Amino acid sequence: MYTTNLETFKTQEKELHHQATQYRLARTLEQKKSLISRIYESLGQMLVLSGQQLINLSRAEAH
């Protein structure tokens, strides 16, 4: 009986370690994804601002 409980415990422990590893990996990927998203968003905003400045300069030169 004790051996069976110990084997069950070890099996559950391995499964929990496996789940914890998967959870940490998923969290890491989410954080990297959000970091990449923030970088893309920042680059997009810089491009929009640059475009607006070019439009304003070309309008100023036209007048």
C-alpha atoms as a PDB file:
ATOM      1  CA  MET A   1       0.000   0.000   0.000  1.00  0.00           C
ATOM      2  CA  TYR A   2       2.775   2.415   0.898  1.00  0.00           C
ATOM      3  CA  THR A   3       4.599   1.648  -2.362  1.00  0.00           C
ATOM      4  CA  THR A   4       1.463   2.306  -4.400  1.00  0.00           C
ATOM      5  CA  ASN A   5       0.927   5.670  -2.685  1.00  0.00           C
ATOM      6  CA  LEU A   6       4.561   6.600  -3.270  1.00  0.00           C
ATOM      7  CA  GLU A   7       4.329   5.722  -6.965  1.00  0.00           C
ATOM      8  CA  THR A   8       1.108   7.719  -7.287  1.00  0.00           C
ATOM      9  CA  PHE A   9       2.750  10.650  -5.550  1.00  0.00           C
ATOM     10  CA  LYS A  10       5.783  10.504  -7.852  1.00  0.00           C
ATOM     11  CA  THR A  11       3.531  10.329 -10.919  1.00  0.00           C
ATOM     12  CA  GLN A  12       1.511  13.326  -9.739  1.00  0.00           C
ATOM     13  CA  GLU A  13       4.697  15.206  -8.889  1.00  0.00           C
ATOM     14  CA  LYS A  14       6.105  14.627 -12.396  1.00  0.00           C
ATOM     15  CA  GLU A  15       2.820  15.792 -13.937  1.00  0.00           C
ATOM     16  CA  LEU A  16       2.809  18.945 -11.802  1.00  0.00           C
ATOM     17  CA  HIS A  17       6.402  19.712 -12.798  1.00  0.00           C
ATOM     18  CA  HIS A  18       5.447  19.214 -16.440  1.00  0.00           C
ATOM     19  CA  GLN A  19       2.435  21.516 -16.091  1.00  0.00           C
ATOM     20  CA  ALA A  20       4.560  24.137 -14.320  1.00  0.00           C
ATOM     21  CA  THR A  21       7.096  24.031 -17.148  1.00  0.00           C
ATOM     22  CA  GLN A  22       4.359  24.480 -19.738  1.00  0.00           C
ATOM     23  CA  TYR A  23       2.849  27.351 -17.744  1.00  0.00           C
ATOM     24  CA  ARG A  24       6.217  29.142 -17.483  1.00  0.00           C
ATOM     25  CA  LEU A  25       6.813  28.690 -21.205  1.00  0.00           C
ATOM     26  CA  ALA A  26       3.364  30.073 -22.038  1.00  0.00           C
ATOM     27  CA  ARG A  27       3.917  33.087 -19.778  1.00  0.00           C
ATOM     28  CA  THR A  28       7.305  33.767 -21.366  1.00  0.00           C
ATOM     29  CA  LEU A  29       5.798  33.638 -24.841  1.00  0.00           C
ATOM     30  CA  GLU A  30       2.989  35.996 -23.816  1.00  0.00           C
ATOM     31  CA  GLN A  31       5.484  38.481 -22.393  1.00  0.00           C
ATOM     32  CA  LYS A  32       7.612  38.347 -25.528  1.00  0.00           C
ATOM     33  CA  LYS A  33       4.521  38.748 -27.663  1.00  0.00           C
ATOM     34  CA  SER A  34       3.437  41.809 -25.719  1.00  0.00           C
ATOM     35  CA  LEU A  35       6.958  43.258 -25.957  1.00  0.00           C
ATOM     36  CA  ILE A  36       6.980  42.750 -29.721  1.00  0.00           C
ATOM     37  CA  SER A  37       3.503  44.265 -29.951  1.00  0.00           C
ATOM     38  CA  ARG A  38       4.652  47.340 -28.044  1.00  0.00           C
ATOM     39  CA  ILE A  39       7.673  47.712 -30.332  1.00  0.00           C
ATOM     40  CA  TYR A  40       5.491  47.462 -33.443  1.00  0.00           C
ATOM     41  CA  GLU A  41       3.015  49.940 -31.997  1.00  0.00           C
ATOM     42  CA  SER A  42       5.804  52.379 -31.183  1.00  0.00           C
ATOM     43  CA  LEU A  43       7.284  52.072 -34.679  1.00  0.00           C
ATOM     44  CA  GLY A  44       3.846  52.600 -36.198  1.00  0.00           C
ATOM     45  CA  GLN A  45       3.298  55.748 -34.152  1.00  0.00           C
ATOM     46  CA  MET A  46       6.696  57.083 -35.208  1.00  0.00           C
ATOM     47  CA  LEU A  47       5.846  56.455 -38.857  1.00  0.00           C
ATOM     48  CA  VAL A  48       2.511  58.230 -38.508  1.00  0.00           C
ATOM     49  CA  LEU A  49       4.142  61.235 -36.838  1.00  0.00           C
ATOM     50  CA  SER A  50       6.836  61.359 -39.510  1.00  0.00           C
ATOM     51  CA  GLY A  51       4.176  61.266 -42.211  1.00  0.00           C
ATOM     52  CA  GLN A  52       2.236  64.055 -40.549  1.00  0.00           C
ATOM     53  CA  GLN A  53       5.376  66.196 -40.324  1.00  0.00           C
ATOM     54  CA  LEU A  54       6.110  65.625 -44.011  1.00  0.00           C
ATOM     55  CA  ILE A  55       2.558  66.630 -44.928  1.00  0.00           C
ATOM     56  CA  ASN A  56       2.798  69.764 -42.794  1.00  0.00           C
ATOM     57  CA  LEU A  57       6.147  70.711 -44.340  1.00  0.00           C
ATOM     58  CA  SER A  58       4.889  70.174 -47.874  1.00  0.00           C
ATOM     59  CA  ARG A  59       1.794  72.280 -47.133  1.00  0.00           C
ATOM     60  CA  ALA A  60       3.925  75.041 -45.666  1.00  0.00           C
ATOM     61  CA  GLU A  61       6.164  75.067 -48.738  1.00  0.00           C
ATOM     62  CA  ALA A  62       3.133  75.119 -51.057  1.00  0.00           C
ATOM     63  CA  HIS A  63       1.819  78.352 -49.488  1.00  0.00           C
END
